[in-house]
Amino acid sequence: MTGRIVVTGVQASGRHGVAPFERERPTELLVDAELDIDIARAASSDSLDDTIDYTEVIREIRRITADSSFALLERLASTIGDRLVELGATRAVVRIAKPAVAASLEAAGVTVEVSR
């Protein structure tokens, strides 16, 4: 049985971007993640041990975002996606938005999406 865990709007900050100011001080990011998982065991056991804990997903998104520094959001999203697969997802889609950059460009949004 296949299921999906969806986490949206995780507020994280990190030093990611090509502009020098983006590497000098943390930039606020919004991260969404979709994890496809096999939910058969969790559906029958009702045990957190048989699924992926979304609290851990959020913690890992924030840790990776804060502890790394990449020029491109594509690399950050890919790194997060790899970690979510390590946690047990059969597929992970990660979206990262930079609200401040979008506002500075007079755009409603700037988002990168990666699927692993």
PDB file of N, CA and C in Angstrom:
ATOM      1  N   MET A   1       0.851  -1.168   0.000  1.00  0.00           N
ATOM      2  CA  MET A   1       0.000   0.000   0.000  1.00  0.00           C
ATOM      3  C   MET A   1       0.902   1.237   0.000  1.00  0.00           C
ATOM      4  N   THR A   2       0.631   2.135  -0.909  1.00  0.00           N
ATOM      5  CA  THR A   2       1.447   3.340  -1.037  1.00  0.00           C
ATOM      6  C   THR A   2       0.735   4.528  -0.406  1.00  0.00           C
ATOM      7  N   GLY A   3       1.504   5.360   0.251  1.00  0.00           N
ATOM      8  CA  GLY A   3       0.976   6.581   0.848  1.00  0.00           C
ATOM      9  C   GLY A   3       1.943   7.716   0.619  1.00  0.00           C
ATOM     10  N   ARG A   4       1.565   8.867   1.103  1.00  0.00           N
ATOM     11  CA  ARG A   4       2.406  10.047   0.916  1.00  0.00           C
ATOM     12  C   ARG A   4       2.340  10.899   2.170  1.00  0.00           C
ATOM     13  N   ILE A   5       3.501  11.352   2.591  1.00  0.00           N
ATOM     14  CA  ILE A   5       3.606  12.346   3.660  1.00  0.00           C
ATOM     15  C   ILE A   5       3.939  13.667   2.979  1.00  0.00           C
ATOM     16  N   VAL A   6       3.180  14.699   3.291  1.00  0.00           N
ATOM     17  CA  VAL A   6       3.407  16.011   2.690  1.00  0.00           C
ATOM     18  C   VAL A   6       3.640  17.010   3.818  1.00  0.00           C
ATOM     19  N   VAL A   7       4.776  17.685   3.745  1.00  0.00           N
ATOM     20  CA  VAL A   7       5.129  18.717   4.714  1.00  0.00           C
ATOM     21  C   VAL A   7       5.294  20.011   3.918  1.00  0.00           C
ATOM     22  N   THR A   8       4.589  21.064   4.309  1.00  0.00           N
ATOM     23  CA  THR A   8       4.650  22.305   3.532  1.00  0.00           C
ATOM     24  C   THR A   8       5.044  23.494   4.407  1.00  0.00           C
ATOM     25  N   GLY A   9       5.714  24.434   3.776  1.00  0.00           N
ATOM     26  CA  GLY A   9       6.019  25.704   4.419  1.00  0.00           C
ATOM     27  C   GLY A   9       7.005  25.639   5.565  1.00  0.00           C
ATOM     28  N   VAL A  10       7.958  24.698   5.515  1.00  0.00           N
ATOM     29  CA  VAL A  10       8.960  24.628   6.576  1.00  0.00           C
ATOM     30  C   VAL A  10       9.852  25.854   6.469  1.00  0.00           C
ATOM     31  N   GLN A  11       9.898  26.639   7.519  1.00  0.00           N
ATOM     32  CA  GLN A  11      10.737  27.828   7.538  1.00  0.00           C
ATOM     33  C   GLN A  11      12.147  27.419   7.937  1.00  0.00           C
ATOM     34  N   ALA A  12      13.090  27.734   7.065  1.00  0.00           N
ATOM     35  CA  ALA A  12      14.489  27.394   7.307  1.00  0.00           C
ATOM     36  C   ALA A  12      15.338  28.544   6.805  1.00  0.00           C
ATOM     37  N   SER A  13      16.551  28.630   7.297  1.00  0.00           N
ATOM     38  CA  SER A  13      17.440  29.678   6.792  1.00  0.00           C
ATOM     39  C   SER A  13      18.827  29.094   6.574  1.00  0.00           C
ATOM     40  N   GLY A  14      19.496  29.660   5.587  1.00  0.00           N
ATOM     41  CA  GLY A  14      20.834  29.196   5.274  1.00  0.00           C
ATOM     42  C   GLY A  14      21.516  30.140   4.318  1.00  0.00           C
ATOM     43  N   ARG A  15      22.765  29.853   4.058  1.00  0.00           N
ATOM     44  CA  ARG A  15      23.604  30.685   3.190  1.00  0.00           C
ATOM     45  C   ARG A  15      23.691  30.031   1.814  1.00  0.00           C
ATOM     46  N   HIS A  16      22.645  30.234   1.018  1.00  0.00           N
ATOM     47  CA  HIS A  16      22.551  29.597  -0.290  1.00  0.00           C
ATOM     48  C   HIS A  16      22.247  30.647  -1.349  1.00  0.00           C
ATOM     49  N   GLY A  17      23.032  30.648  -2.417  1.00  0.00           N
ATOM     50  CA  GLY A  17      22.798  31.577  -3.511  1.00  0.00           C
ATOM     51  C   GLY A  17      24.092  31.950  -4.205  1.00  0.00           C
ATOM     52  N   VAL A  18      23.952  32.599  -5.340  1.00  0.00           N
ATOM     53  CA  VAL A  18      25.129  33.010  -6.108  1.00  0.00           C
ATOM     54  C   VAL A  18      25.578  34.427  -5.772  1.00  0.00           C
ATOM     55  N   ALA A  19      24.689  35.237  -5.252  1.00  0.00           N
ATOM     56  CA  ALA A  19      25.048  36.606  -4.883  1.00  0.00           C
ATOM     57  C   ALA A  19      25.860  36.600  -3.587  1.00  0.00           C
ATOM     58  N   PRO A  20      26.887  37.436  -3.502  1.00  0.00           N
ATOM     59  CA  PRO A  20      27.724  37.456  -2.298  1.00  0.00           C
ATOM     60  C   PRO A  20      26.931  37.660  -1.001  1.00  0.00           C
ATOM     61  N   PHE A  21      25.926  38.547  -1.024  1.00  0.00           N
ATOM     62  CA  PHE A  21      25.163  38.793   0.206  1.00  0.00           C
ATOM     63  C   PHE A  21      24.412  37.545   0.671  1.00  0.00           C
ATOM     64  N   GLU A  22      24.060  36.642  -0.258  1.00  0.00           N
ATOM     65  CA  GLU A  22      23.351  35.417   0.113  1.00  0.00           C
ATOM     66  C   GLU A  22      24.269  34.442   0.850  1.00  0.00           C
ATOM     67  N   ARG A  23      25.561  34.562   0.639  1.00  0.00           N
ATOM     68  CA  ARG A  23      26.528  33.705   1.313  1.00  0.00           C
ATOM     69  C   ARG A  23      27.029  34.334   2.618  1.00  0.00           C
ATOM     70  N   GLU A  24      26.879  35.661   2.751  1.00  0.00           N
ATOM     71  CA  GLU A  24      27.374  36.365   3.935  1.00  0.00           C
ATOM     72  C   GLU A  24      26.436  36.251   5.126  1.00  0.00           C
ATOM     73  N   ARG A  25      25.153  36.241   4.851  1.00  0.00           N
ATOM     74  CA  ARG A  25      24.179  36.136   5.954  1.00  0.00           C
ATOM     75  C   ARG A  25      23.060  35.180   5.528  1.00  0.00           C
ATOM     76  N   PRO A  26      22.475  34.504   6.486  1.00  0.00           N
ATOM     77  CA  PRO A  26      21.423  33.544   6.148  1.00  0.00           C
ATOM     78  C   PRO A  26      20.232  34.192   5.456  1.00  0.00           C
ATOM     79  N   THR A  27      19.680  33.471   4.489  1.00  0.00           N
ATOM     80  CA  THR A  27      18.489  33.876   3.763  1.00  0.00           C
ATOM     81  C   THR A  27      17.342  32.972   4.195  1.00  0.00           C
ATOM     82  N   GLU A  28      16.177  33.543   4.362  1.00  0.00           N
ATOM     83  CA  GLU A  28      15.006  32.749   4.716  1.00  0.00           C
ATOM     84  C   GLU A  28      14.514  31.957   3.506  1.00  0.00           C
ATOM     85  N   LEU A  29      14.213  30.699   3.745  1.00  0.00           N
ATOM     86  CA  LEU A  29      13.696  29.808   2.707  1.00  0.00           C
ATOM     87  C   LEU A  29      12.426  29.155   3.207  1.00  0.00           C
ATOM     88  N   LEU A  30      11.560  28.770   2.280  1.00  0.00           N
ATOM     89  CA  LEU A  30      10.389  27.955   2.589  1.00  0.00           C
ATOM     90  C   LEU A  30      10.544  26.645   1.833  1.00  0.00           C
ATOM     91  N   VAL A  31      10.427  25.540   2.559  1.00  0.00           N
ATOM     92  CA  VAL A  31      10.660  24.222   1.960  1.00  0.00           C
ATOM     93  C   VAL A  31       9.405  23.375   2.092  1.00  0.00           C
ATOM     94  N   ASP A  32       9.025  22.744   0.973  1.00  0.00           N
ATOM     95  CA  ASP A  32       7.953  21.752   0.944  1.00  0.00           C
ATOM     96  C   ASP A  32       8.578  20.412   0.588  1.00  0.00           C
ATOM     97  N   ALA A  33       8.044  19.344   1.148  1.00  0.00           N
ATOM     98  CA  ALA A  33       8.543  18.009   0.820  1.00  0.00           C
ATOM     99  C   ALA A  33       7.370  17.042   0.712  1.00  0.00           C
ATOM    100  N   GLU A  34       7.406  16.218  -0.328  1.00  0.00           N
ATOM    101  CA  GLU A  34       6.440  15.138  -0.509  1.00  0.00           C
ATOM    102  C   GLU A  34       7.221  13.835  -0.505  1.00  0.00           C
ATOM    103  N   LEU A  35       6.843  12.922   0.385  1.00  0.00           N
ATOM    104  CA  LEU A  35       7.529  11.643   0.504  1.00  0.00           C
ATOM    105  C   LEU A  35       6.557  10.521   0.175  1.00  0.00           C
ATOM    106  N   ASP A  36       6.836   9.774  -0.879  1.00  0.00           N
ATOM    107  CA  ASP A  36       6.061   8.574  -1.157  1.00  0.00           C
ATOM    108  C   ASP A  36       6.639   7.463  -0.293  1.00  0.00           C
ATOM    109  N   ILE A  37       5.757   6.730   0.377  1.00  0.00           N
ATOM    110  CA  ILE A  37       6.210   5.675   1.283  1.00  0.00           C
ATOM    111  C   ILE A  37       5.282   4.476   1.189  1.00  0.00           C
ATOM    112  N   ASP A  38       5.799   3.337   1.611  1.00  0.00           N
ATOM    113  CA  ASP A  38       4.982   2.141   1.764  1.00  0.00           C
ATOM    114  C   ASP A  38       4.345   2.236   3.149  1.00  0.00           C
ATOM    115  N   ILE A  39       3.030   2.365   3.203  1.00  0.00           N
ATOM    116  CA  ILE A  39       2.363   2.556   4.498  1.00  0.00           C
ATOM    117  C   ILE A  39       1.674   1.295   5.014  1.00  0.00           C
ATOM    118  N   ALA A  40       1.871   0.169   4.361  1.00  0.00           N
ATOM    119  CA  ALA A  40       1.159  -1.059   4.745  1.00  0.00           C
ATOM    120  C   ALA A  40       1.368  -1.404   6.217  1.00  0.00           C
ATOM    121  N   ARG A  41       2.624  -1.434   6.669  1.00  0.00           N
ATOM    122  CA  ARG A  41       2.886  -1.791   8.072  1.00  0.00           C
ATOM    123  C   ARG A  41       2.305  -0.764   9.027  1.00  0.00           C
ATOM    124  N   ALA A  42       2.500   0.514   8.743  1.00  0.00           N
ATOM    125  CA  ALA A  42       1.995   1.562   9.629  1.00  0.00           C
ATOM    126  C   ALA A  42       0.472   1.558   9.684  1.00  0.00           C
ATOM    127  N   ALA A  43      -0.159   1.280   8.546  1.00  0.00           N
ATOM    128  CA  ALA A  43      -1.623   1.262   8.505  1.00  0.00           C
ATOM    129  C   ALA A  43      -2.192   0.148   9.373  1.00  0.00           C
ATOM    130  N   SER A  44      -1.489  -0.968   9.474  1.00  0.00           N
ATOM    131  CA  SER A  44      -1.996  -2.062  10.300  1.00  0.00           C
ATOM    132  C   SER A  44      -1.509  -1.988  11.747  1.00  0.00           C
ATOM    133  N   SER A  45      -0.295  -1.480  11.963  1.00  0.00           N
ATOM    134  CA  SER A  45       0.261  -1.468  13.322  1.00  0.00           C
ATOM    135  C   SER A  45      -0.121  -0.229  14.126  1.00  0.00           C
ATOM    136  N   ASP A  46      -0.405   0.878  13.437  1.00  0.00           N
ATOM    137  CA  ASP A  46      -0.675   2.158  14.092  1.00  0.00           C
ATOM    138  C   ASP A  46       0.521   2.613  14.925  1.00  0.00           C
ATOM    139  N   SER A  47       1.745   2.263  14.467  1.00  0.00           N
ATOM    140  CA  SER A  47       2.967   2.578  15.200  1.00  0.00           C
ATOM    141  C   SER A  47       3.836   3.550  14.406  1.00  0.00           C
ATOM    142  N   LEU A  48       4.323   4.564  15.083  1.00  0.00           N
ATOM    143  CA  LEU A  48       5.211   5.536  14.464  1.00  0.00           C
ATOM    144  C   LEU A  48       6.495   4.877  13.964  1.00  0.00           C
ATOM    145  N   ASP A  49       6.881   3.774  14.603  1.00  0.00           N
ATOM    146  CA  ASP A  49       8.090   3.060  14.189  1.00  0.00           C
ATOM    147  C   ASP A  49       7.979   2.485  12.781  1.00  0.00           C
ATOM    148  N   ASP A  50       6.779   2.362  12.258  1.00  0.00           N
ATOM    149  CA  ASP A  50       6.564   1.748  10.945  1.00  0.00           C
ATOM    150  C   ASP A  50       6.320   2.763   9.829  1.00  0.00           C
ATOM    151  N   THR A  51       6.657   4.003  10.096  1.00  0.00           N
ATOM    152  CA  THR A  51       6.509   5.053   9.081  1.00  0.00           C
ATOM    153  C   THR A  51       7.654   6.040   9.215  1.00  0.00           C
ATOM    154  N   ILE A  52       7.614   7.110   8.479  1.00  0.00           N
ATOM    155  CA  ILE A  52       8.606   8.178   8.613  1.00  0.00           C
ATOM    156  C   ILE A  52       7.979   9.282   9.453  1.00  0.00           C
ATOM    157  N   ASP A  53       8.645   9.640  10.509  1.00  0.00           N
ATOM    158  CA  ASP A  53       8.162  10.670  11.429  1.00  0.00           C
ATOM    159  C   ASP A  53       8.344  12.047  10.785  1.00  0.00           C
ATOM    160  N   TYR A  54       7.247  12.748  10.543  1.00  0.00           N
ATOM    161  CA  TYR A  54       7.364  14.050   9.877  1.00  0.00           C
ATOM    162  C   TYR A  54       8.107  15.065  10.727  1.00  0.00           C
ATOM    163  N   THR A  55       8.164  14.868  12.045  1.00  0.00           N
ATOM    164  CA  THR A  55       8.977  15.736  12.900  1.00  0.00           C
ATOM    165  C   THR A  55      10.448  15.608  12.520  1.00  0.00           C
ATOM    166  N   GLU A  56      10.891  14.375  12.241  1.00  0.00           N
ATOM    167  CA  GLU A  56      12.271  14.151  11.812  1.00  0.00           C
ATOM    168  C   GLU A  56      12.516  14.754  10.428  1.00  0.00           C
ATOM    169  N   VAL A  57      11.525  14.680   9.558  1.00  0.00           N
ATOM    170  CA  VAL A  57      11.644  15.279   8.227  1.00  0.00           C
ATOM    171  C   VAL A  57      11.906  16.783   8.361  1.00  0.00           C
ATOM    172  N   ILE A  58      11.120  17.458   9.174  1.00  0.00           N
ATOM    173  CA  ILE A  58      11.279  18.898   9.374  1.00  0.00           C
ATOM    174  C   ILE A  58      12.630  19.210   9.997  1.00  0.00           C
ATOM    175  N   ARG A  59      13.026  18.432  10.987  1.00  0.00           N
ATOM    176  CA  ARG A  59      14.315  18.641  11.635  1.00  0.00           C
ATOM    177  C   ARG A  59      15.469  18.484  10.634  1.00  0.00           C
ATOM    178  N   GLU A  60      15.399  17.483   9.775  1.00  0.00           N
ATOM    179  CA  GLU A  60      16.452  17.250   8.784  1.00  0.00           C
ATOM    180  C   GLU A  60      16.491  18.355   7.730  1.00  0.00           C
ATOM    181  N   ILE A  61      15.334  18.836   7.301  1.00  0.00           N
ATOM    182  CA  ILE A  61      15.301  19.957   6.352  1.00  0.00           C
ATOM    183  C   ILE A  61      16.013  21.160   6.947  1.00  0.00           C
ATOM    184  N   ARG A  62      15.694  21.495   8.186  1.00  0.00           N
ATOM    185  CA  ARG A  62      16.316  22.652   8.832  1.00  0.00           C
ATOM    186  C   ARG A  62      17.811  22.437   9.070  1.00  0.00           C
ATOM    187  N   ARG A  63      18.198  21.241   9.458  1.00  0.00           N
ATOM    188  CA  ARG A  63      19.614  20.953   9.712  1.00  0.00           C
ATOM    189  C   ARG A  63      20.434  21.091   8.430  1.00  0.00           C
ATOM    190  N   ILE A  64      19.972  20.466   7.359  1.00  0.00           N
ATOM    191  CA  ILE A  64      20.709  20.508   6.092  1.00  0.00           C
ATOM    192  C   ILE A  64      20.784  21.937   5.569  1.00  0.00           C
ATOM    193  N   THR A  65      19.693  22.665   5.669  1.00  0.00           N
ATOM    194  CA  THR A  65      19.658  24.047   5.186  1.00  0.00           C
ATOM    195  C   THR A  65      20.628  24.932   5.969  1.00  0.00           C
ATOM    196  N   ALA A  66      20.684  24.742   7.274  1.00  0.00           N
ATOM    197  CA  ALA A  66      21.557  25.570   8.115  1.00  0.00           C
ATOM    198  C   ALA A  66      23.023  25.151   8.033  1.00  0.00           C
ATOM    199  N   ASP A  67      23.289  23.851   7.907  1.00  0.00           N
ATOM    200  CA  ASP A  67      24.661  23.345   7.987  1.00  0.00           C
ATOM    201  C   ASP A  67      25.417  23.335   6.670  1.00  0.00           C
ATOM    202  N   SER A  68      24.740  23.559   5.562  1.00  0.00           N
ATOM    203  CA  SER A  68      25.411  23.529   4.263  1.00  0.00           C
ATOM    204  C   SER A  68      25.366  24.920   3.637  1.00  0.00           C
ATOM    205  N   SER A  69      26.120  25.076   2.549  1.00  0.00           N
ATOM    206  CA  SER A  69      26.110  26.337   1.807  1.00  0.00           C
ATOM    207  C   SER A  69      26.357  26.020   0.337  1.00  0.00           C
ATOM    208  N   PHE A  70      25.339  26.234  -0.485  1.00  0.00           N
ATOM    209  CA  PHE A  70      25.424  25.917  -1.909  1.00  0.00           C
ATOM    210  C   PHE A  70      25.099  27.160  -2.733  1.00  0.00           C
ATOM    211  N   ALA A  71      25.670  27.228  -3.917  1.00  0.00           N
ATOM    212  CA  ALA A  71      25.356  28.320  -4.832  1.00  0.00           C
ATOM    213  C   ALA A  71      23.940  28.176  -5.374  1.00  0.00           C
ATOM    214  N   LEU A  72      23.519  26.934  -5.623  1.00  0.00           N
ATOM    215  CA  LEU A  72      22.224  26.704  -6.272  1.00  0.00           C
ATOM    216  C   LEU A  72      21.232  25.995  -5.359  1.00  0.00           C
ATOM    217  N   LEU A  73      19.985  26.443  -5.434  1.00  0.00           N
ATOM    218  CA  LEU A  73      18.918  25.756  -4.695  1.00  0.00           C
ATOM    219  C   LEU A  73      18.715  24.334  -5.203  1.00  0.00           C
ATOM    220  N   GLU A  74      19.051  24.097  -6.465  1.00  0.00           N
ATOM    221  CA  GLU A  74      18.928  22.746  -7.015  1.00  0.00           C
ATOM    222  C   GLU A  74      19.788  21.764  -6.211  1.00  0.00           C
ATOM    223  N   ARG A  75      20.980  22.191  -5.833  1.00  0.00           N
ATOM    224  CA  ARG A  75      21.844  21.306  -5.045  1.00  0.00           C
ATOM    225  C   ARG A  75      21.307  21.128  -3.637  1.00  0.00           C
ATOM    226  N   LEU A  76      20.820  22.175  -3.031  1.00  0.00           N
ATOM    227  CA  LEU A  76      20.230  22.065  -1.697  1.00  0.00           C
ATOM    228  C   LEU A  76      19.031  21.134  -1.725  1.00  0.00           C
ATOM    229  N   ALA A  77      18.136  21.327  -2.685  1.00  0.00           N
ATOM    230  CA  ALA A  77      16.942  20.468  -2.787  1.00  0.00           C
ATOM    231  C   ALA A  77      17.329  19.016  -3.028  1.00  0.00           C
ATOM    232  N   SER A  78      18.337  18.788  -3.861  1.00  0.00           N
ATOM    233  CA  SER A  78      18.805  17.437  -4.139  1.00  0.00           C
ATOM    234  C   SER A  78      19.391  16.785  -2.885  1.00  0.00           C
ATOM    235  N   THR A  79      20.144  17.552  -2.112  1.00  0.00           N
ATOM    236  CA  THR A  79      20.728  17.037  -0.869  1.00  0.00           C
ATOM    237  C   THR A  79      19.634  16.664   0.128  1.00  0.00           C
ATOM    238  N   ILE A  80      18.630  17.519   0.255  1.00  0.00           N
ATOM    239  CA  ILE A  80      17.503  17.217   1.142  1.00  0.00           C
ATOM    240  C   ILE A  80      16.765  15.974   0.642  1.00  0.00           C
ATOM    241  N   GLY A  81      16.506  15.912  -0.673  1.00  0.00           N
ATOM    242  CA  GLY A  81      15.819  14.749  -1.247  1.00  0.00           C
ATOM    243  C   GLY A  81      16.563  13.459  -0.988  1.00  0.00           C
ATOM    244  N   ASP A  82      17.890  13.477  -1.133  1.00  0.00           N
ATOM    245  CA  ASP A  82      18.692  12.283  -0.858  1.00  0.00           C
ATOM    246  C   ASP A  82      18.501  11.831   0.588  1.00  0.00           C
ATOM    247  N   ARG A  83      18.495  12.782   1.512  1.00  0.00           N
ATOM    248  CA  ARG A  83      18.326  12.440   2.930  1.00  0.00           C
ATOM    249  C   ARG A  83      16.947  11.858   3.199  1.00  0.00           C
ATOM    250  N   LEU A  84      15.920  12.383   2.550  1.00  0.00           N
ATOM    251  CA  LEU A  84      14.569  11.870   2.759  1.00  0.00           C
ATOM    252  C   LEU A  84      14.440  10.437   2.229  1.00  0.00           C
ATOM    253  N   VAL A  85      15.137  10.134   1.151  1.00  0.00           N
ATOM    254  CA  VAL A  85      15.159   8.754   0.646  1.00  0.00           C
ATOM    255  C   VAL A  85      15.884   7.855   1.652  1.00  0.00           C
ATOM    256  N   GLU A  86      16.968   8.354   2.250  1.00  0.00           N
ATOM    257  CA  GLU A  86      17.669   7.588   3.286  1.00  0.00           C
ATOM    258  C   GLU A  86      16.764   7.290   4.478  1.00  0.00           C
ATOM    259  N   LEU A  87      15.839   8.205   4.765  1.00  0.00           N
ATOM    260  CA  LEU A  87      14.900   7.986   5.885  1.00  0.00           C
ATOM    261  C   LEU A  87      13.831   6.950   5.559  1.00  0.00           C
ATOM    262  N   GLY A  88      13.731   6.563   4.276  1.00  0.00           N
ATOM    263  CA  GLY A  88      12.783   5.515   3.922  1.00  0.00           C
ATOM    264  C   GLY A  88      11.783   5.857   2.842  1.00  0.00           C
ATOM    265  N   ALA A  89      11.829   7.059   2.305  1.00  0.00           N
ATOM    266  CA  ALA A  89      10.912   7.413   1.220  1.00  0.00           C
ATOM    267  C   ALA A  89      11.308   6.651  -0.043  1.00  0.00           C
ATOM    268  N   THR A  90      10.310   6.187  -0.786  1.00  0.00           N
ATOM    269  CA  THR A  90      10.603   5.554  -2.072  1.00  0.00           C
ATOM    270  C   THR A  90      10.782   6.611  -3.158  1.00  0.00           C
ATOM    271  N   ARG A  91      10.260   7.795  -2.897  1.00  0.00           N
ATOM    272  CA  ARG A  91      10.402   8.940  -3.797  1.00  0.00           C
ATOM    273  C   ARG A  91      10.220  10.191  -2.955  1.00  0.00           C
ATOM    274  N   ALA A  92      10.999  11.223  -3.242  1.00  0.00           N
ATOM    275  CA  ALA A  92      10.870  12.486  -2.517  1.00  0.00           C
ATOM    276  C   ALA A  92      10.871  13.632  -3.515  1.00  0.00           C
ATOM    277  N   VAL A  93       9.942  14.548  -3.338  1.00  0.00           N
ATOM    278  CA  VAL A  93       9.902  15.780  -4.114  1.00  0.00           C
ATOM    279  C   VAL A  93      10.133  16.918  -3.127  1.00  0.00           C
ATOM    280  N   VAL A  94      11.116  17.765  -3.439  1.00  0.00           N
ATOM    281  CA  VAL A  94      11.466  18.875  -2.562  1.00  0.00           C
ATOM    282  C   VAL A  94      11.320  20.168  -3.348  1.00  0.00           C
ATOM    283  N   ARG A  95      10.594  21.130  -2.768  1.00  0.00           N
ATOM    284  CA  ARG A  95      10.432  22.453  -3.362  1.00  0.00           C
ATOM    285  C   ARG A  95      11.007  23.479  -2.395  1.00  0.00           C
ATOM    286  N   ILE A  96      11.816  24.382  -2.928  1.00  0.00           N
ATOM    287  CA  ILE A  96      12.395  25.428  -2.090  1.00  0.00           C
ATOM    288  C   ILE A  96      12.086  26.783  -2.716  1.00  0.00           C
ATOM    289  N   ALA A  97      11.537  27.667  -1.896  1.00  0.00           N
ATOM    290  CA  ALA A  97      11.215  29.026  -2.336  1.00  0.00           C
ATOM    291  C   ALA A  97      12.069  30.018  -1.556  1.00  0.00           C
ATOM    292  N   LYS A  98      12.416  31.105  -2.229  1.00  0.00           N
ATOM    293  CA  LYS A  98      13.162  32.206  -1.616  1.00  0.00           C
ATOM    294  C   LYS A  98      12.267  33.444  -1.647  1.00  0.00           C
ATOM    295  N   PRO A  99      11.446  33.646  -0.631  1.00  0.00           N
ATOM    296  CA  PRO A  99      10.499  34.769  -0.649  1.00  0.00           C
ATOM    297  C   PRO A  99      11.156  36.139  -0.800  1.00  0.00           C
ATOM    298  N   ALA A 100      12.271  36.381  -0.128  1.00  0.00           N
ATOM    299  CA  ALA A 100      12.909  37.702  -0.206  1.00  0.00           C
ATOM    300  C   ALA A 100      13.456  37.977  -1.598  1.00  0.00           C
ATOM    301  N   VAL A 101      14.001  36.952  -2.226  1.00  0.00           N
ATOM    302  CA  VAL A 101      14.527  37.130  -3.584  1.00  0.00           C
ATOM    303  C   VAL A 101      13.378  37.407  -4.545  1.00  0.00           C
ATOM    304  N   ALA A 102      12.283  36.679  -4.392  1.00  0.00           N
ATOM    305  CA  ALA A 102      11.121  36.908  -5.255  1.00  0.00           C
ATOM    306  C   ALA A 102      10.639  38.349  -5.116  1.00  0.00           C
ATOM    307  N   ALA A 103      10.552  38.821  -3.877  1.00  0.00           N
ATOM    308  CA  ALA A 103      10.095  40.190  -3.648  1.00  0.00           C
ATOM    309  C   ALA A 103      11.048  41.201  -4.283  1.00  0.00           C
ATOM    310  N   SER A 104      12.352  40.951  -4.185  1.00  0.00           N
ATOM    311  CA  SER A 104      13.319  41.893  -4.760  1.00  0.00           C
ATOM    312  C   SER A 104      13.244  41.920  -6.286  1.00  0.00           C
ATOM    313  N   LEU A 105      12.740  40.841  -6.878  1.00  0.00           N
ATOM    314  CA  LEU A 105      12.577  40.777  -8.327  1.00  0.00           C
ATOM    315  C   LEU A 105      11.174  41.174  -8.771  1.00  0.00           C
ATOM    316  N   GLU A 106      10.357  41.603  -7.799  1.00  0.00           N
ATOM    317  CA  GLU A 106       8.964  41.953  -8.047  1.00  0.00           C
ATOM    318  C   GLU A 106       8.220  40.797  -8.700  1.00  0.00           C
ATOM    319  N   ALA A 107       8.450  39.608  -8.137  1.00  0.00           N
ATOM    320  CA  ALA A 107       7.782  38.395  -8.600  1.00  0.00           C
ATOM    321  C   ALA A 107       7.015  37.785  -7.432  1.00  0.00           C
ATOM    322  N   ALA A 108       5.955  37.071  -7.740  1.00  0.00           N
ATOM    323  CA  ALA A 108       5.155  36.426  -6.706  1.00  0.00           C
ATOM    324  C   ALA A 108       5.919  35.304  -6.032  1.00  0.00           C
ATOM    325  N   GLY A 109       6.818  34.649  -6.774  1.00  0.00           N
ATOM    326  CA  GLY A 109       7.565  33.564  -6.174  1.00  0.00           C
ATOM    327  C   GLY A 109       8.714  33.100  -7.052  1.00  0.00           C
ATOM    328  N   VAL A 110       9.710  32.527  -6.388  1.00  0.00           N
ATOM    329  CA  VAL A 110      10.834  31.868  -7.042  1.00  0.00           C
ATOM    330  C   VAL A 110      10.992  30.539  -6.334  1.00  0.00           C
ATOM    331  N   THR A 111      10.797  29.444  -7.075  1.00  0.00           N
ATOM    332  CA  THR A 111      10.825  28.114  -6.478  1.00  0.00           C
ATOM    333  C   THR A 111      11.613  27.157  -7.356  1.00  0.00           C
ATOM    334  N   VAL A 112      12.369  26.285  -6.697  1.00  0.00           N
ATOM    335  CA  VAL A 112      13.065  25.194  -7.379  1.00  0.00           C
ATOM    336  C   VAL A 112      12.460  23.894  -6.872  1.00  0.00           C
ATOM    337  N   GLU A 113      12.228  22.954  -7.774  1.00  0.00           N
ATOM    338  CA  GLU A 113      11.673  21.647  -7.403  1.00  0.00           C
ATOM    339  C   GLU A 113      12.568  20.543  -7.924  1.00  0.00           C
ATOM    340  N   VAL A 114      12.866  19.571  -7.053  1.00  0.00           N
ATOM    341  CA  VAL A 114      13.693  18.416  -7.412  1.00  0.00           C
ATOM    342  C   VAL A 114      12.968  17.162  -6.973  1.00  0.00           C
ATOM    343  N   SER A 115      13.009  16.143  -7.803  1.00  0.00           N
ATOM    344  CA  SER A 115      12.415  14.852  -7.478  1.00  0.00           C
ATOM    345  C   SER A 115      13.525  13.810  -7.414  1.00  0.00           C
ATOM    346  N   ARG A 116      13.538  13.013  -6.349  1.00  0.00           N
ATOM    347  CA  ARG A 116      14.531  11.963  -6.170  1.00  0.00           C
ATOM    348  C   ARG A 116      13.846  10.629  -6.131  1.00  0.00           C
TER     349      ARG A 116
END
